Protein backbone atom coordinates (compact mmCIF):
# COMPACT_ATOMS: atom_id res chain seq x y z
CA MET A 1 -49.85 -24.59 28.22
CA ARG A 2 -47.11 -26.59 29.93
CA PRO A 3 -46.53 -28.97 26.94
CA THR A 4 -46.25 -25.93 24.65
CA CYS A 5 -43.74 -24.22 26.92
CA PHE A 6 -41.78 -27.44 27.20
CA LEU A 7 -41.72 -27.77 23.41
CA ALA A 8 -40.50 -24.18 22.99
CA ALA A 9 -37.82 -24.66 25.62
CA SER A 10 -36.73 -27.89 23.95
CA ILE A 11 -36.39 -26.14 20.61
CA LEU A 12 -34.30 -23.39 22.23
CA VAL A 13 -31.98 -25.91 23.88
CA ILE A 14 -31.57 -27.91 20.68
CA SER A 15 -30.84 -24.73 18.69
CA THR A 16 -28.27 -23.58 21.23
CA VAL A 17 -26.51 -26.93 21.25
CA THR A 18 -26.57 -27.08 17.46
CA PHE A 19 -25.00 -23.59 17.22
CA ALA A 20 -22.34 -24.33 19.80
CA ASP A 21 -21.44 -27.58 18.10
CA SER A 22 -21.33 -26.06 14.60
CA PRO A 23 -18.22 -27.35 12.79
CA SER A 24 -17.48 -23.84 11.53
CA GLU A 25 -17.65 -22.40 15.04
CA LEU A 26 -15.42 -25.11 16.41
CA LYS A 27 -12.89 -24.62 13.61
CA ARG A 28 -12.88 -20.86 14.12
CA ASP A 29 -12.40 -21.09 17.88
CA ALA A 30 -9.60 -23.64 17.51
CA ALA A 31 -7.84 -21.53 14.87
CA LEU A 32 -8.14 -18.35 16.95
CA ALA A 33 -6.82 -20.13 20.03
CA GLY A 34 -3.90 -21.57 18.06
CA ILE A 35 -2.96 -18.20 16.57
CA ASP A 36 -3.19 -16.48 19.95
CA ALA A 37 -1.03 -19.14 21.59
CA CYS A 38 1.62 -18.72 18.89
CA LEU A 39 1.68 -14.93 19.08
CA GLN A 40 1.63 -14.81 22.86
CA GLY A 41 4.04 -17.55 23.80
CA GLY A 42 5.36 -19.19 20.66
CA LYS A 43 3.39 -22.38 21.23
CA GLY A 44 1.68 -24.12 18.34
CA CYS A 45 3.37 -21.97 15.68
CA ARG A 46 3.85 -25.07 13.54
CA ASP A 47 0.14 -24.83 12.69
CA LEU A 48 0.09 -21.05 12.24
CA ASP A 49 -0.26 -21.11 8.44
CA LYS A 50 -2.98 -23.74 8.68
CA ASN A 51 -4.91 -21.71 11.26
CA ILE A 52 -4.62 -18.55 9.18
CA GLU A 53 -5.92 -20.37 6.12
CA THR A 54 -8.82 -21.72 8.19
CA LEU A 55 -9.86 -18.19 9.16
CA ALA A 56 -9.51 -16.99 5.57
CA GLN A 57 -11.79 -19.79 4.40
CA LEU A 58 -14.34 -18.93 7.10
CA TYR A 59 -14.25 -15.25 6.16
CA ARG A 60 -15.22 -15.81 2.55
CA PRO A 61 -18.69 -17.29 3.32
CA GLY A 62 -19.41 -14.42 5.70
CA ASP A 63 -17.64 -14.77 9.06
CA LYS A 64 -16.45 -11.16 9.07
CA ALA A 65 -15.41 -11.29 12.74
CA VAL A 66 -12.16 -13.08 11.86
CA LEU A 67 -10.86 -10.22 9.71
CA LEU A 68 -9.30 -8.30 12.60
CA THR A 69 -7.18 -11.34 13.45
CA LEU A 70 -6.10 -11.79 9.84
CA LEU A 71 -5.08 -8.13 9.65
CA ARG A 72 -2.29 -8.96 12.08
CA PHE A 73 -0.42 -10.69 9.24
CA PRO A 74 0.59 -8.09 6.62
CA TYR A 75 2.10 -10.68 4.29
CA LEU A 76 -1.40 -11.90 3.36
CA THR A 77 -1.33 -9.64 0.31
CA ASP A 78 -3.54 -11.79 -1.94
CA PHE A 79 -6.18 -12.13 0.77
CA PHE A 80 -6.16 -8.40 1.60
CA ASP A 81 -6.54 -7.50 -2.07
CA GLU A 82 -9.35 -10.02 -2.49
CA VAL A 83 -11.27 -8.60 0.47
CA LEU A 84 -10.77 -4.98 -0.59
CA LEU A 85 -11.95 -5.67 -4.14
CA ALA A 86 -15.05 -7.49 -2.86
CA ASP A 87 -15.99 -5.15 -0.01
CA PRO A 88 -13.98 -1.89 0.00
CA ASP A 89 -15.90 -0.11 2.77
CA GLY A 90 -16.10 -3.22 4.93
CA PHE A 91 -12.37 -3.85 4.68
CA LEU A 92 -11.41 -0.21 5.30
CA SER A 93 -13.85 0.08 8.22
CA SER A 94 -12.10 -2.82 9.93
CA VAL A 95 -8.69 -1.26 9.27
CA ALA A 96 -9.92 2.11 10.59
CA SER A 97 -10.42 0.55 14.03
CA LEU A 98 -6.69 -0.20 14.27
CA PRO A 99 -3.92 2.11 15.53
CA GLU A 100 -2.30 4.27 12.83
CA TRP A 101 0.94 2.27 12.80
CA HIS A 102 -1.08 -0.91 12.22
CA GLN A 103 -3.10 0.76 9.46
CA GLN A 104 0.15 1.56 7.68
CA THR A 105 1.34 -2.03 8.05
CA VAL A 106 -1.88 -3.28 6.47
CA ALA A 107 -1.51 -0.74 3.65
CA GLU A 108 1.99 -2.05 2.95
CA GLY A 109 0.72 -5.63 2.95
CA LEU A 110 -2.09 -4.72 0.56
CA SER A 111 0.50 -3.11 -1.73
CA GLY A 112 2.71 -6.18 -1.95
CA MET A 113 5.30 -4.97 0.57
CA ALA A 114 8.85 -5.33 -0.83
CA PHE A 115 7.89 -7.15 -4.04
CA GLY A 116 4.96 -5.14 -5.35
CA LEU A 117 1.93 -6.50 -7.22
CA ALA A 118 1.33 -7.92 -10.66
CA LEU A 119 0.16 -5.15 -12.99
CA PRO A 120 -3.48 -6.36 -13.40
CA ARG A 121 -3.92 -6.65 -9.61
CA PHE A 122 -2.25 -3.27 -9.03
CA GLU A 123 -4.61 -1.60 -11.49
CA ALA A 124 -7.68 -3.28 -9.96
CA VAL A 125 -6.77 -2.29 -6.40
CA ARG A 126 -5.90 1.27 -7.43
CA ALA A 127 -9.20 1.66 -9.32
CA THR A 128 -11.16 0.38 -6.32
CA LEU A 129 -9.49 2.82 -3.93
CA LYS A 130 -10.03 5.72 -6.34
CA ARG A 131 -13.68 4.76 -6.87
CA LEU A 132 -14.60 4.99 -3.18
CA SER A 133 -17.39 7.52 -2.71
CA GLU A 134 -16.46 10.98 -1.45
CA SER A 135 -19.19 10.55 1.16
CA SER A 136 -17.64 7.36 2.53
CA PRO A 137 -16.26 7.70 6.09
CA ASN A 138 -13.26 5.72 4.83
CA ARG A 139 -12.37 8.14 2.04
CA GLU A 140 -9.30 9.61 3.80
CA LEU A 141 -8.04 6.16 4.72
CA ALA A 142 -8.48 5.08 1.09
CA LYS A 143 -6.32 8.04 0.00
CA LYS A 144 -3.55 6.94 2.40
CA PHE A 145 -3.79 3.39 1.10
CA LEU A 146 -3.63 4.66 -2.49
CA GLU A 147 -0.48 6.65 -1.74
CA THR A 148 1.20 3.59 -0.21
CA LEU A 149 0.06 1.39 -3.11
CA GLU A 150 1.57 3.72 -5.71
CA THR A 151 4.78 4.15 -3.72
CA TYR A 152 5.36 0.40 -3.41
CA ASN A 153 4.49 -0.17 -7.08
CA ASP A 154 6.15 2.85 -8.68
CA SER A 155 7.89 0.52 -11.13
CA PHE A 156 4.72 0.49 -13.22
CA SER A 157 5.66 3.90 -14.51
CA TRP A 158 8.23 1.89 -16.46
CA HIS A 159 7.71 -1.66 -17.65
CA PHE A 160 8.76 -4.06 -20.35
CA PRO A 161 6.88 -3.56 -23.63
CA ASP A 162 4.20 -6.21 -24.09
CA SER A 163 5.27 -7.70 -20.76
CA THR A 164 3.35 -10.48 -19.07
CA PHE A 165 5.80 -10.57 -16.19
CA GLY A 166 4.58 -10.01 -12.65
CA GLY A 167 5.48 -6.91 -10.65
CA SER A 168 8.56 -8.53 -9.19
CA TRP A 169 10.25 -8.52 -12.60
CA ASN A 170 9.97 -4.75 -12.83
CA SER A 171 12.76 -3.36 -10.68
CA ARG A 172 11.96 -0.01 -9.07
CA GLU A 173 15.60 1.00 -9.54
CA LEU A 174 15.60 0.89 -13.35
CA PRO A 175 14.09 4.36 -13.89
CA SER A 176 16.53 5.89 -11.39
CA LEU A 177 19.37 4.39 -13.46
CA GLY A 178 18.04 6.19 -16.53
CA GLU A 179 16.68 3.04 -18.20
CA GLU A 180 13.66 3.35 -20.46
CA PRO A 181 11.61 0.80 -22.40
CA LEU A 182 13.56 -0.54 -25.35
CA TRP A 183 10.59 -0.25 -27.69
CA PRO A 184 9.86 1.96 -29.53
CA MET A 185 13.47 2.57 -30.51
CA ALA A 186 15.13 5.94 -30.43
CA PRO A 187 15.52 7.71 -33.82
CA GLY A 188 18.68 6.77 -35.68
CA THR A 189 18.89 3.30 -34.11
CA ALA A 190 18.82 0.22 -36.34
CA SER A 191 18.54 -2.35 -33.51
CA ALA A 192 19.08 -2.60 -29.79
CA PHE A 193 19.72 -5.28 -27.16
CA ARG A 194 19.79 -5.23 -23.37
CA ILE A 195 20.55 -7.68 -20.57
CA ILE A 196 19.19 -6.92 -17.10
CA VAL A 197 20.18 -9.01 -14.08
CA LEU A 198 17.91 -8.48 -11.06
CA PRO A 199 19.22 -10.07 -7.86
CA CYS A 200 16.57 -11.48 -5.54
CA LEU A 201 17.73 -10.07 -2.22
CA PHE A 202 20.69 -7.89 -1.38
CA GLY A 203 22.37 -6.94 -4.63
CA GLY A 204 21.47 -4.24 -7.11
CA PRO A 205 20.53 -4.48 -10.79
CA GLU A 206 23.27 -4.81 -13.42
CA ILE A 207 22.47 -3.72 -16.96
CA ALA A 208 24.33 -3.80 -20.26
CA SER A 209 22.60 -2.26 -23.28
CA LEU A 210 23.78 -2.15 -26.89
CA THR A 211 22.42 0.20 -29.53
CA ILE A 212 23.44 -0.38 -33.15
CA SER A 213 23.54 2.35 -35.77
CA PRO A 214 22.58 1.88 -39.44
CA ASP A 215 26.31 1.81 -40.37
CA GLY A 216 26.83 -1.30 -38.19
CA THR A 217 28.76 0.38 -35.38
CA GLY A 218 27.45 0.31 -31.86
CA ARG A 219 27.39 1.91 -28.44
CA ILE A 220 27.47 -0.31 -25.34
CA ARG A 221 26.52 1.08 -21.94
CA PHE A 222 26.83 -0.50 -18.50
CA ARG A 223 24.80 0.61 -15.49
CA ALA A 224 24.59 -0.85 -12.01
CA MET A 225 23.44 0.01 -8.52
CA ASN A 226 25.22 -1.09 -5.34
CA PHE A 227 22.82 -0.93 -2.40
CA GLN A 228 25.45 -1.55 0.25
CA LEU A 229 27.79 1.20 -0.95
CA LYS A 230 24.86 3.41 -2.00
CA GLN A 231 26.45 4.17 -5.35
CA THR A 232 25.72 3.73 -9.03
CA THR A 233 28.01 2.94 -11.96
CA ASN A 234 27.50 4.37 -15.44
CA LYS A 235 30.00 3.85 -18.27
CA SER A 236 29.81 3.47 -22.03
CA TYR A 237 32.03 2.50 -24.97
CA THR A 238 31.96 2.72 -28.76
CA LEU A 239 32.07 -0.59 -30.68
CA ASP A 240 33.33 -1.04 -34.21
CA ALA A 241 31.24 -2.88 -36.81
CA GLN A 242 33.31 -6.06 -36.48
CA LYS A 243 32.56 -6.48 -32.76
CA VAL A 244 28.89 -5.75 -33.35
CA ALA A 245 28.70 -8.31 -36.17
CA LYS A 246 30.37 -10.94 -33.97
CA PHE A 247 27.77 -10.39 -31.23
CA LEU A 248 24.85 -10.55 -33.69
CA ALA A 249 26.17 -13.83 -35.11
CA ALA A 250 26.39 -15.31 -31.61
CA LEU A 251 22.85 -14.11 -30.90
CA GLU A 252 21.50 -15.78 -34.03
CA ARG A 253 23.10 -19.09 -33.04
CA THR A 254 21.12 -19.07 -29.77
CA GLU A 255 17.83 -18.77 -31.76
CA PHE A 256 16.93 -15.96 -29.37
CA TRP A 257 13.95 -14.82 -31.43
CA LYS A 258 12.31 -18.25 -31.05
CA MET A 259 12.89 -18.62 -27.30
CA PRO A 260 9.78 -18.69 -25.06
CA LYS A 261 9.38 -15.51 -23.06
CA GLU A 262 9.37 -17.25 -19.69
CA SER A 263 10.36 -20.62 -18.27
CA TYR A 264 8.73 -22.64 -15.49
CA ARG A 265 11.99 -22.84 -13.54
CA HIS A 266 11.96 -20.48 -10.54
CA GLY A 267 13.15 -20.51 -6.95
CA PHE A 268 13.06 -18.54 -3.71
CA ASP A 269 16.52 -17.03 -4.08
CA GLY A 270 18.64 -16.18 -7.07
CA ALA A 271 18.74 -13.68 -9.91
CA GLU A 272 16.41 -13.03 -12.83
CA TRP A 273 18.18 -12.60 -16.17
CA ILE A 274 16.14 -10.64 -18.72
CA LEU A 275 17.40 -10.34 -22.30
CA GLU A 276 15.62 -7.95 -24.68
CA GLY A 277 16.08 -7.33 -28.36
CA VAL A 278 14.65 -5.08 -31.07
CA GLN A 279 15.49 -5.77 -34.70
CA ASN A 280 13.69 -5.26 -38.01
CA GLY A 281 10.70 -3.78 -36.21
CA THR A 282 10.34 -6.80 -33.91
CA TYR A 283 10.62 -6.72 -30.11
CA HIS A 284 11.33 -9.87 -28.06
CA VAL A 285 12.14 -10.46 -24.40
CA VAL A 286 13.32 -13.64 -22.65
CA GLU A 287 13.46 -14.09 -18.88
CA ARG A 288 15.29 -16.90 -17.08
CA TRP A 289 15.85 -17.57 -13.38
CA CYS A 290 19.41 -18.61 -12.54
CA PRO A 291 20.22 -19.72 -16.11
CA ASP A 292 22.64 -22.61 -16.38
CA ASN A 293 25.59 -22.56 -18.77
CA THR A 294 23.32 -22.31 -21.80
CA PRO A 295 23.59 -20.34 -25.06
CA PHE A 296 21.16 -17.83 -23.51
CA ARG A 297 23.49 -17.19 -20.58
CA GLN A 298 26.54 -17.05 -22.84
CA VAL A 299 25.15 -14.37 -25.16
CA ALA A 300 23.94 -12.40 -22.13
CA ARG A 301 27.45 -12.56 -20.69
CA ASP A 302 28.82 -11.42 -24.06
CA LEU A 303 26.93 -8.15 -23.66
CA PHE A 304 28.50 -7.57 -20.25
CA LYS A 305 31.96 -8.31 -21.66
CA LEU A 306 31.43 -5.80 -24.45
CA ALA A 307 30.75 -3.25 -21.71
CA HIS A 308 34.10 -4.13 -20.05
CA HIS A 309 32.28 -5.63 -17.07
CA TRP A 310 32.83 -9.07 -15.62
CA PRO A 311 29.51 -10.91 -15.93
CA PRO A 312 27.62 -11.72 -12.73
CA GLY A 313 28.75 -14.95 -11.09
CA GLY A 314 26.65 -17.65 -9.42
CA CYS A 315 23.14 -17.63 -10.81
């Protein structure tokens, strides 16, 4: 019997050593220790992103224990959405163990926080939260998450026709300024054009829209929101046919209708310029980040000038 017991004990020791020395376990423990050191005393924060990514990679194959640590970082929107879509009850059960203030922080992170979500992701997350069974113990929490999701992404009640832009292009302030999708056109309108400038951080949107009647005359309207002063501007002017024709000629010279919808040039700060047009039953939209002194920028500035507004400076 002694050799058998020795063999069994040997197997147990080997298994224990193998488990303790598992690369995944070692990586997890090192990442957890690094994150804790950063949050507690500010040490090792240089590797914080790396340690967070390590835990996210370990979670995907099945190390669910790391989720509570990852929930401490609400900016992990893509990861939160991924986990919710894959395991709604598992994700919400983990969140339910947190204090209410922390639950709300996670809900805001899931919803994209200040920038919102891309429309396909928003619709997928919303459908998953709505689909949760009424018998689920997480049903009430799912309702709270759904309310936060829709609040942070309320811009999807208004979006650019045929848009492929992400959620960040759809300013939540546009509906409050009275802006509506340019297409389909209002009755009695021959064509319409609009420039929208969306600042990245502290400014408010600036909008100049031109509607052209069948007789060639036009109506230009300027709208803007100033966050710091908490005020909006709304003014409009009538344009004679000559001014309208001059603008349309400048637009044609830019070859606006052939411009790609988006460009690959983007940055962390700066404004998005979005120029829309509807003419002869055709809708087209062009978006550029911080456009240089190009024909696109010039014709966009022309719209602002027609509205008696000095075009936005910088980018």
